[in-house]
Amino acid sequence: MNFWLIVVLLGGGYLLQCVFGLMQMKDFSKTFRPLRQMGRVAIGRTNGGLRAGAIVMFAIDENGIILKGKRMMGVTVLAKFKDFNGFEGKNVGELTQTDVEKLPKPLRKAILDAAMNYNIIMSGGEIPPRLSLFQKIGQKLSPKKPAVMSKTE
């Protein structure tokens, strides 16, 4: 009896997580669309894991000047996007640590990620994919390979 109760509770929790995840994706799309109509959008994010994560979106003009900002920060899937003022008129590619020093750490990382992403794209590069949680764990657990020295004669 207890086994089936646990299975039902876990299944219900998973289903609830999926529903809230879909709601958050819908909120992202609803927020992104008007920013995209203003011009290009620079997006930065930081994963929180068990801590708060953050996503920032900046609508920018053709010169990289920020027109409008939105941010989402929180631990759960219940976090929503909110207006993010204070960066209008600044060049997204020139944002530095001093521009964000008074903000919470997840937000600082997301803003600097948006600046880095913008600079990579503008220089013709591609944004590298991020490692998943399991890939990071695998890297930490795998033995390090010693450097091979080659003979030069």
N, C-alpha and C. Protein backbone atom coordinates (compact mmCIF):
# COMPACT_ATOMS: atom_id res chain seq x y z
N MET A 1 0.82 -1.20 0.00
CA MET A 1 0.00 0.00 0.00
C MET A 1 0.86 1.26 0.00
N ASN A 2 1.86 1.31 0.87
CA ASN A 2 2.73 2.48 0.94
C ASN A 2 3.52 2.69 -0.34
N PHE A 3 3.90 1.59 -0.99
CA PHE A 3 4.63 1.69 -2.25
C PHE A 3 3.82 2.44 -3.30
N TRP A 4 2.54 2.09 -3.44
CA TRP A 4 1.71 2.73 -4.46
C TRP A 4 1.43 4.19 -4.12
N LEU A 5 1.33 4.50 -2.86
CA LEU A 5 1.13 5.88 -2.44
C LEU A 5 2.35 6.73 -2.82
N ILE A 6 3.53 6.17 -2.61
CA ILE A 6 4.76 6.88 -2.98
C ILE A 6 4.84 7.06 -4.49
N VAL A 7 4.49 6.02 -5.25
CA VAL A 7 4.50 6.12 -6.72
C VAL A 7 3.54 7.20 -7.19
N VAL A 8 2.34 7.24 -6.63
CA VAL A 8 1.34 8.24 -7.02
C VAL A 8 1.82 9.64 -6.65
N LEU A 9 2.39 9.80 -5.47
CA LEU A 9 2.88 11.12 -5.05
C LEU A 9 4.03 11.60 -5.94
N LEU A 10 4.96 10.70 -6.25
CA LEU A 10 6.07 11.07 -7.14
C LEU A 10 5.56 11.41 -8.54
N GLY A 11 4.63 10.61 -9.05
CA GLY A 11 4.05 10.89 -10.37
C GLY A 11 3.31 12.22 -10.38
N GLY A 12 2.55 12.49 -9.33
CA GLY A 12 1.84 13.77 -9.24
C GLY A 12 2.79 14.94 -9.15
N GLY A 13 3.88 14.78 -8.40
CA GLY A 13 4.88 15.84 -8.31
C GLY A 13 5.54 16.11 -9.65
N TYR A 14 5.85 15.03 -10.37
CA TYR A 14 6.45 15.18 -11.70
C TYR A 14 5.50 15.88 -12.66
N LEU A 15 4.24 15.49 -12.63
CA LEU A 15 3.23 16.11 -13.49
C LEU A 15 3.07 17.60 -13.16
N LEU A 16 3.05 17.93 -11.89
CA LEU A 16 2.95 19.32 -11.46
C LEU A 16 4.16 20.12 -11.94
N GLN A 17 5.35 19.54 -11.83
CA GLN A 17 6.57 20.19 -12.30
C GLN A 17 6.49 20.46 -13.80
N CYS A 18 5.97 19.51 -14.57
CA CYS A 18 5.82 19.70 -16.02
C CYS A 18 4.85 20.83 -16.32
N VAL A 19 3.74 20.89 -15.62
CA VAL A 19 2.75 21.95 -15.84
C VAL A 19 3.35 23.31 -15.53
N PHE A 20 4.04 23.42 -14.39
CA PHE A 20 4.65 24.71 -14.04
C PHE A 20 5.77 25.08 -15.01
N GLY A 21 6.51 24.09 -15.50
CA GLY A 21 7.54 24.35 -16.50
C GLY A 21 6.95 24.90 -17.79
N LEU A 22 5.82 24.32 -18.22
CA LEU A 22 5.14 24.83 -19.41
C LEU A 22 4.64 26.25 -19.20
N MET A 23 4.14 26.54 -18.00
CA MET A 23 3.69 27.90 -17.70
C MET A 23 4.85 28.89 -17.76
N GLN A 24 6.02 28.47 -17.29
CA GLN A 24 7.19 29.34 -17.31
C GLN A 24 7.67 29.56 -18.75
N MET A 25 7.62 28.52 -19.58
CA MET A 25 8.00 28.69 -20.99
C MET A 25 7.04 29.64 -21.70
N LYS A 26 5.76 29.55 -21.36
CA LYS A 26 4.77 30.45 -21.95
C LYS A 26 5.06 31.89 -21.52
N ASP A 27 5.42 32.09 -20.26
CA ASP A 27 5.77 33.42 -19.77
C ASP A 27 7.00 33.96 -20.50
N PHE A 28 7.99 33.08 -20.75
CA PHE A 28 9.19 33.49 -21.49
C PHE A 28 8.80 33.97 -22.88
N SER A 29 7.99 33.19 -23.58
CA SER A 29 7.58 33.56 -24.95
C SER A 29 6.79 34.85 -24.95
N LYS A 30 5.89 34.99 -23.99
CA LYS A 30 5.05 36.19 -23.90
C LYS A 30 5.90 37.44 -23.62
N THR A 31 6.98 37.28 -22.86
CA THR A 31 7.87 38.39 -22.55
C THR A 31 8.82 38.67 -23.70
N PHE A 32 9.31 37.63 -24.36
CA PHE A 32 10.29 37.78 -25.43
C PHE A 32 9.71 38.47 -26.66
N ARG A 33 8.48 38.12 -27.02
CA ARG A 33 7.86 38.61 -28.25
C ARG A 33 7.86 40.14 -28.36
N PRO A 34 7.36 40.89 -27.36
CA PRO A 34 7.38 42.36 -27.48
C PRO A 34 8.79 42.94 -27.53
N LEU A 35 9.73 42.31 -26.81
CA LEU A 35 11.11 42.80 -26.86
C LEU A 35 11.68 42.59 -28.25
N ARG A 36 11.38 41.46 -28.86
CA ARG A 36 11.87 41.16 -30.21
C ARG A 36 11.31 42.13 -31.23
N GLN A 37 10.09 42.61 -31.02
CA GLN A 37 9.50 43.58 -31.94
C GLN A 37 10.20 44.93 -31.87
N MET A 38 10.90 45.19 -30.75
CA MET A 38 11.65 46.44 -30.60
C MET A 38 13.00 46.37 -31.32
N GLY A 39 13.49 45.18 -31.58
CA GLY A 39 14.80 44.99 -32.21
C GLY A 39 15.39 43.67 -31.78
N ARG A 40 16.72 43.61 -31.76
CA ARG A 40 17.39 42.39 -31.31
C ARG A 40 17.26 42.26 -29.79
N VAL A 41 17.47 41.05 -29.30
CA VAL A 41 17.37 40.79 -27.86
C VAL A 41 18.62 40.06 -27.40
N ALA A 42 19.28 40.63 -26.39
CA ALA A 42 20.43 39.97 -25.76
C ALA A 42 19.92 39.24 -24.53
N ILE A 43 20.23 37.95 -24.44
CA ILE A 43 19.74 37.13 -23.33
C ILE A 43 20.93 36.57 -22.56
N GLY A 44 20.84 36.64 -21.26
CA GLY A 44 21.85 36.05 -20.38
C GLY A 44 21.15 35.24 -19.31
N ARG A 45 21.83 34.20 -18.86
CA ARG A 45 21.21 33.37 -17.82
C ARG A 45 22.28 32.78 -16.93
N THR A 46 21.84 32.39 -15.76
CA THR A 46 22.69 31.65 -14.85
C THR A 46 21.84 30.59 -14.18
N ASN A 47 22.38 29.39 -14.10
CA ASN A 47 21.67 28.30 -13.45
C ASN A 47 21.93 28.36 -11.96
N GLY A 48 20.89 28.15 -11.20
CA GLY A 48 21.05 28.23 -9.76
C GLY A 48 21.28 26.88 -9.11
N GLY A 49 20.83 25.82 -9.75
CA GLY A 49 20.88 24.52 -9.08
C GLY A 49 19.91 24.55 -7.92
N LEU A 50 20.41 24.49 -6.72
CA LEU A 50 19.56 24.58 -5.54
C LEU A 50 19.43 26.02 -5.05
N ARG A 51 20.19 26.93 -5.65
CA ARG A 51 20.09 28.35 -5.32
C ARG A 51 19.27 29.05 -6.40
N ALA A 52 19.06 30.34 -6.21
CA ALA A 52 18.29 31.12 -7.19
C ALA A 52 19.06 31.22 -8.50
N GLY A 53 18.36 31.05 -9.61
CA GLY A 53 18.91 31.28 -10.93
C GLY A 53 18.33 32.57 -11.47
N ALA A 54 18.79 33.01 -12.63
CA ALA A 54 18.28 34.25 -13.20
C ALA A 54 18.37 34.22 -14.72
N ILE A 55 17.44 34.92 -15.35
CA ILE A 55 17.45 35.15 -16.79
C ILE A 55 17.21 36.64 -16.99
N VAL A 56 18.00 37.27 -17.85
CA VAL A 56 17.76 38.66 -18.22
C VAL A 56 17.62 38.74 -19.73
N MET A 57 16.74 39.63 -20.18
CA MET A 57 16.57 39.89 -21.60
C MET A 57 16.62 41.40 -21.80
N PHE A 58 17.46 41.84 -22.72
CA PHE A 58 17.57 43.25 -23.06
C PHE A 58 17.18 43.45 -24.51
N ALA A 59 16.18 44.30 -24.77
CA ALA A 59 15.89 44.72 -26.14
C ALA A 59 16.94 45.76 -26.49
N ILE A 60 17.62 45.58 -27.62
CA ILE A 60 18.69 46.49 -28.00
C ILE A 60 18.47 47.01 -29.41
N ASP A 61 19.05 48.18 -29.69
CA ASP A 61 18.96 48.72 -31.04
C ASP A 61 20.12 48.18 -31.88
N GLU A 62 20.29 48.69 -33.09
CA GLU A 62 21.32 48.17 -34.00
C GLU A 62 22.74 48.44 -33.51
N ASN A 63 22.90 49.37 -32.55
CA ASN A 63 24.23 49.68 -32.01
C ASN A 63 24.50 48.98 -30.68
N GLY A 64 23.56 48.17 -30.22
CA GLY A 64 23.74 47.46 -28.96
C GLY A 64 23.30 48.26 -27.74
N ILE A 65 22.62 49.37 -27.96
CA ILE A 65 22.15 50.20 -26.86
C ILE A 65 20.86 49.59 -26.30
N ILE A 66 20.82 49.44 -24.99
CA ILE A 66 19.67 48.82 -24.33
C ILE A 66 18.47 49.75 -24.35
N LEU A 67 17.35 49.24 -24.87
CA LEU A 67 16.10 49.99 -24.92
C LEU A 67 15.19 49.64 -23.75
N LYS A 68 15.16 48.35 -23.40
CA LYS A 68 14.29 47.88 -22.33
C LYS A 68 14.83 46.57 -21.79
N GLY A 69 14.61 46.32 -20.51
CA GLY A 69 15.08 45.09 -19.89
C GLY A 69 13.99 44.37 -19.13
N LYS A 70 14.12 43.05 -19.09
CA LYS A 70 13.23 42.20 -18.30
C LYS A 70 14.12 41.20 -17.57
N ARG A 71 13.67 40.78 -16.38
CA ARG A 71 14.44 39.82 -15.60
C ARG A 71 13.52 38.81 -14.92
N MET A 72 14.06 37.62 -14.74
CA MET A 72 13.38 36.58 -13.96
C MET A 72 14.43 36.02 -13.01
N MET A 73 14.09 35.97 -11.72
CA MET A 73 15.03 35.44 -10.76
C MET A 73 14.27 34.66 -9.70
N GLY A 74 14.77 33.49 -9.37
CA GLY A 74 14.14 32.70 -8.33
C GLY A 74 14.61 31.27 -8.34
N VAL A 75 14.11 30.52 -7.38
CA VAL A 75 14.51 29.13 -7.22
C VAL A 75 13.52 28.20 -7.89
N THR A 76 12.25 28.57 -7.91
CA THR A 76 11.21 27.66 -8.38
C THR A 76 10.71 28.03 -9.76
N VAL A 77 9.88 27.15 -10.31
CA VAL A 77 9.28 27.40 -11.61
C VAL A 77 8.15 28.42 -11.51
N LEU A 78 7.88 28.91 -10.33
CA LEU A 78 6.84 29.93 -10.15
C LEU A 78 7.36 31.34 -10.40
N ALA A 79 8.67 31.50 -10.64
CA ALA A 79 9.25 32.82 -10.91
C ALA A 79 8.68 33.37 -12.21
N LYS A 80 8.45 34.67 -12.24
CA LYS A 80 7.89 35.35 -13.42
C LYS A 80 8.83 36.47 -13.86
N PHE A 81 8.70 36.89 -15.12
CA PHE A 81 9.48 38.01 -15.62
C PHE A 81 8.91 39.32 -15.10
N LYS A 82 9.84 40.23 -14.77
CA LYS A 82 9.47 41.56 -14.29
C LYS A 82 10.29 42.59 -15.05
N ASP A 83 9.80 43.84 -15.07
CA ASP A 83 10.57 44.92 -15.69
C ASP A 83 11.90 45.06 -14.97
N PHE A 84 12.92 45.44 -15.73
CA PHE A 84 14.26 45.57 -15.18
C PHE A 84 14.83 46.89 -15.67
N ASN A 85 14.73 47.91 -14.84
CA ASN A 85 15.15 49.25 -15.22
C ASN A 85 16.56 49.56 -14.70
N GLY A 86 17.15 50.60 -15.27
CA GLY A 86 18.45 51.05 -14.81
C GLY A 86 19.56 50.85 -15.83
N PHE A 87 19.31 50.11 -16.88
CA PHE A 87 20.34 49.86 -17.89
C PHE A 87 20.01 50.50 -19.24
N GLU A 88 18.87 51.18 -19.33
CA GLU A 88 18.48 51.81 -20.59
C GLU A 88 19.54 52.85 -20.99
N GLY A 89 19.89 52.85 -22.28
CA GLY A 89 20.87 53.79 -22.80
C GLY A 89 22.30 53.30 -22.72
N LYS A 90 22.55 52.19 -22.06
CA LYS A 90 23.91 51.64 -21.97
C LYS A 90 24.11 50.62 -23.08
N ASN A 91 25.36 50.45 -23.49
CA ASN A 91 25.70 49.46 -24.50
C ASN A 91 25.85 48.10 -23.83
N VAL A 92 25.07 47.13 -24.28
CA VAL A 92 25.07 45.81 -23.63
C VAL A 92 26.44 45.14 -23.71
N GLY A 93 27.17 45.37 -24.77
CA GLY A 93 28.49 44.75 -24.93
C GLY A 93 29.56 45.34 -24.05
N GLU A 94 29.28 46.49 -23.45
CA GLU A 94 30.27 47.17 -22.61
C GLU A 94 29.94 47.09 -21.13
N LEU A 95 28.94 46.30 -20.76
CA LEU A 95 28.60 46.16 -19.34
C LEU A 95 29.73 45.42 -18.62
N THR A 96 30.09 45.91 -17.44
CA THR A 96 31.18 45.32 -16.67
C THR A 96 30.72 45.00 -15.25
N GLN A 97 31.61 44.41 -14.50
CA GLN A 97 31.33 44.06 -13.11
C GLN A 97 30.93 45.29 -12.29
N THR A 98 31.53 46.44 -12.56
CA THR A 98 31.20 47.65 -11.79
C THR A 98 29.78 48.13 -12.08
N ASP A 99 29.24 47.82 -13.25
CA ASP A 99 27.87 48.22 -13.58
C ASP A 99 26.84 47.42 -12.79
N VAL A 100 27.21 46.25 -12.33
CA VAL A 100 26.24 45.34 -11.70
C VAL A 100 26.58 45.00 -10.25
N GLU A 101 27.55 45.68 -9.66
CA GLU A 101 28.05 45.27 -8.35
C GLU A 101 27.03 45.34 -7.22
N LYS A 102 25.99 46.16 -7.35
CA LYS A 102 25.00 46.29 -6.27
C LYS A 102 23.83 45.33 -6.41
N LEU A 103 23.83 44.52 -7.43
CA LEU A 103 22.73 43.58 -7.69
C LEU A 103 23.02 42.22 -7.06
N PRO A 104 21.98 41.40 -6.86
CA PRO A 104 22.20 40.04 -6.35
C PRO A 104 23.09 39.22 -7.30
N LYS A 105 23.85 38.30 -6.74
CA LYS A 105 24.83 37.53 -7.51
C LYS A 105 24.24 36.83 -8.74
N PRO A 106 23.09 36.13 -8.65
CA PRO A 106 22.57 35.47 -9.86
C PRO A 106 22.25 36.47 -10.97
N LEU A 107 21.75 37.64 -10.60
CA LEU A 107 21.41 38.66 -11.58
C LEU A 107 22.68 39.23 -12.21
N ARG A 108 23.72 39.44 -11.38
CA ARG A 108 25.00 39.93 -11.91
C ARG A 108 25.55 38.97 -12.95
N LYS A 109 25.54 37.67 -12.62
CA LYS A 109 26.07 36.68 -13.56
C LYS A 109 25.27 36.64 -14.85
N ALA A 110 23.95 36.75 -14.75
CA ALA A 110 23.10 36.71 -15.95
C ALA A 110 23.35 37.93 -16.83
N ILE A 111 23.51 39.10 -16.24
CA ILE A 111 23.76 40.32 -17.02
C ILE A 111 25.11 40.22 -17.73
N LEU A 112 26.13 39.78 -17.01
CA LEU A 112 27.45 39.64 -17.63
C LEU A 112 27.44 38.55 -18.70
N ASP A 113 26.61 37.52 -18.52
CA ASP A 113 26.45 36.48 -19.54
C ASP A 113 25.80 37.06 -20.79
N ALA A 114 24.82 37.94 -20.62
CA ALA A 114 24.18 38.60 -21.77
C ALA A 114 25.20 39.44 -22.53
N ALA A 115 26.05 40.17 -21.79
CA ALA A 115 27.09 40.98 -22.43
C ALA A 115 28.07 40.10 -23.20
N MET A 116 28.49 38.99 -22.58
CA MET A 116 29.42 38.08 -23.23
C MET A 116 28.78 37.45 -24.47
N ASN A 117 27.53 37.01 -24.36
CA ASN A 117 26.83 36.42 -25.51
C ASN A 117 26.73 37.41 -26.65
N TYR A 118 26.40 38.66 -26.34
CA TYR A 118 26.30 39.70 -27.36
C TYR A 118 27.65 39.87 -28.07
N ASN A 119 28.73 39.96 -27.29
CA ASN A 119 30.05 40.17 -27.89
C ASN A 119 30.47 38.98 -28.75
N ILE A 120 30.15 37.76 -28.32
CA ILE A 120 30.49 36.57 -29.11
C ILE A 120 29.75 36.59 -30.45
N ILE A 121 28.45 36.86 -30.41
CA ILE A 121 27.64 36.89 -31.63
C ILE A 121 28.09 38.01 -32.56
N MET A 122 28.37 39.18 -32.01
CA MET A 122 28.76 40.32 -32.85
C MET A 122 30.13 40.11 -33.50
N SER A 123 30.97 39.27 -32.89
CA SER A 123 32.28 38.99 -33.49
C SER A 123 32.22 37.80 -34.45
N GLY A 124 31.00 37.26 -34.68
CA GLY A 124 30.82 36.18 -35.64
C GLY A 124 30.97 34.79 -35.05
N GLY A 125 31.07 34.69 -33.74
CA GLY A 125 31.23 33.39 -33.10
C GLY A 125 29.91 32.74 -32.75
N GLU A 126 30.00 31.58 -32.13
CA GLU A 126 28.82 30.85 -31.66
C GLU A 126 28.93 30.68 -30.16
N ILE A 127 27.80 30.76 -29.50
CA ILE A 127 27.77 30.59 -28.06
C ILE A 127 27.96 29.11 -27.75
N PRO A 128 28.97 28.77 -26.94
CA PRO A 128 29.21 27.34 -26.66
C PRO A 128 28.08 26.75 -25.82
N PRO A 129 27.73 25.49 -26.08
CA PRO A 129 26.67 24.86 -25.27
C PRO A 129 27.14 24.65 -23.84
N ARG A 130 26.20 24.70 -22.92
CA ARG A 130 26.53 24.51 -21.51
C ARG A 130 26.43 23.03 -21.16
N LEU A 131 27.25 22.62 -20.22
CA LEU A 131 27.21 21.23 -19.77
C LEU A 131 26.00 21.00 -18.87
N SER A 132 25.40 19.83 -19.00
CA SER A 132 24.29 19.47 -18.12
C SER A 132 24.85 19.10 -16.74
N LEU A 133 23.98 18.97 -15.79
CA LEU A 133 24.38 18.58 -14.44
C LEU A 133 25.14 17.26 -14.46
N PHE A 134 24.64 16.28 -15.21
CA PHE A 134 25.27 14.97 -15.26
C PHE A 134 26.63 15.02 -15.98
N GLN A 135 26.77 15.88 -16.98
CA GLN A 135 28.06 16.03 -17.65
C GLN A 135 29.09 16.64 -16.70
N LYS A 136 28.67 17.61 -15.90
CA LYS A 136 29.58 18.22 -14.92
C LYS A 136 30.03 17.20 -13.88
N ILE A 137 29.08 16.39 -13.41
CA ILE A 137 29.41 15.35 -12.42
C ILE A 137 30.37 14.34 -13.04
N GLY A 138 30.11 13.95 -14.29
CA GLY A 138 30.98 13.01 -14.98
C GLY A 138 32.39 13.54 -15.14
N GLN A 139 32.53 14.82 -15.42
CA GLN A 139 33.87 15.41 -15.55
C GLN A 139 34.61 15.38 -14.22
N LYS A 140 33.90 15.64 -13.14
CA LYS A 140 34.55 15.64 -11.83
C LYS A 140 34.95 14.24 -11.39
N LEU A 141 34.16 13.24 -11.78
CA LEU A 141 34.42 11.87 -11.35
C LEU A 141 35.42 11.14 -12.24
N SER A 142 35.57 11.57 -13.49
CA SER A 142 36.48 10.86 -14.40
C SER A 142 37.92 11.18 -14.02
N PRO A 143 38.78 10.16 -14.13
CA PRO A 143 40.19 10.38 -13.78
C PRO A 143 40.84 11.32 -14.80
N LYS A 144 41.72 12.14 -14.28
CA LYS A 144 42.44 13.08 -15.15
C LYS A 144 43.50 12.32 -15.94
N LYS A 145 43.61 12.64 -17.23
CA LYS A 145 44.62 11.99 -18.06
C LYS A 145 45.91 12.80 -17.95
N PRO A 146 47.03 12.13 -17.72
CA PRO A 146 48.30 12.86 -17.62
C PRO A 146 48.71 13.40 -18.99
N ALA A 147 49.37 14.54 -18.95
CA ALA A 147 49.85 15.14 -20.19
C ALA A 147 50.95 14.26 -20.77
N VAL A 148 50.94 14.07 -22.08
CA VAL A 148 51.93 13.23 -22.76
C VAL A 148 53.02 14.14 -23.29
N MET A 149 54.23 13.81 -22.93
CA MET A 149 55.36 14.61 -23.39
C MET A 149 55.86 14.00 -24.70
N SER A 150 56.12 14.83 -25.68
CA SER A 150 56.63 14.33 -26.95
C SER A 150 58.11 14.63 -27.05
N LYS A 151 58.80 13.76 -27.79
CA LYS A 151 60.24 13.95 -28.00
C LYS A 151 60.44 14.93 -29.14
N THR A 152 61.32 15.86 -28.93
CA THR A 152 61.68 16.78 -30.01
C THR A 152 63.16 16.61 -30.28
N GLU A 153 63.48 16.20 -31.47
CA GLU A 153 64.87 15.95 -31.82
C GLU A 153 65.27 16.78 -32.99
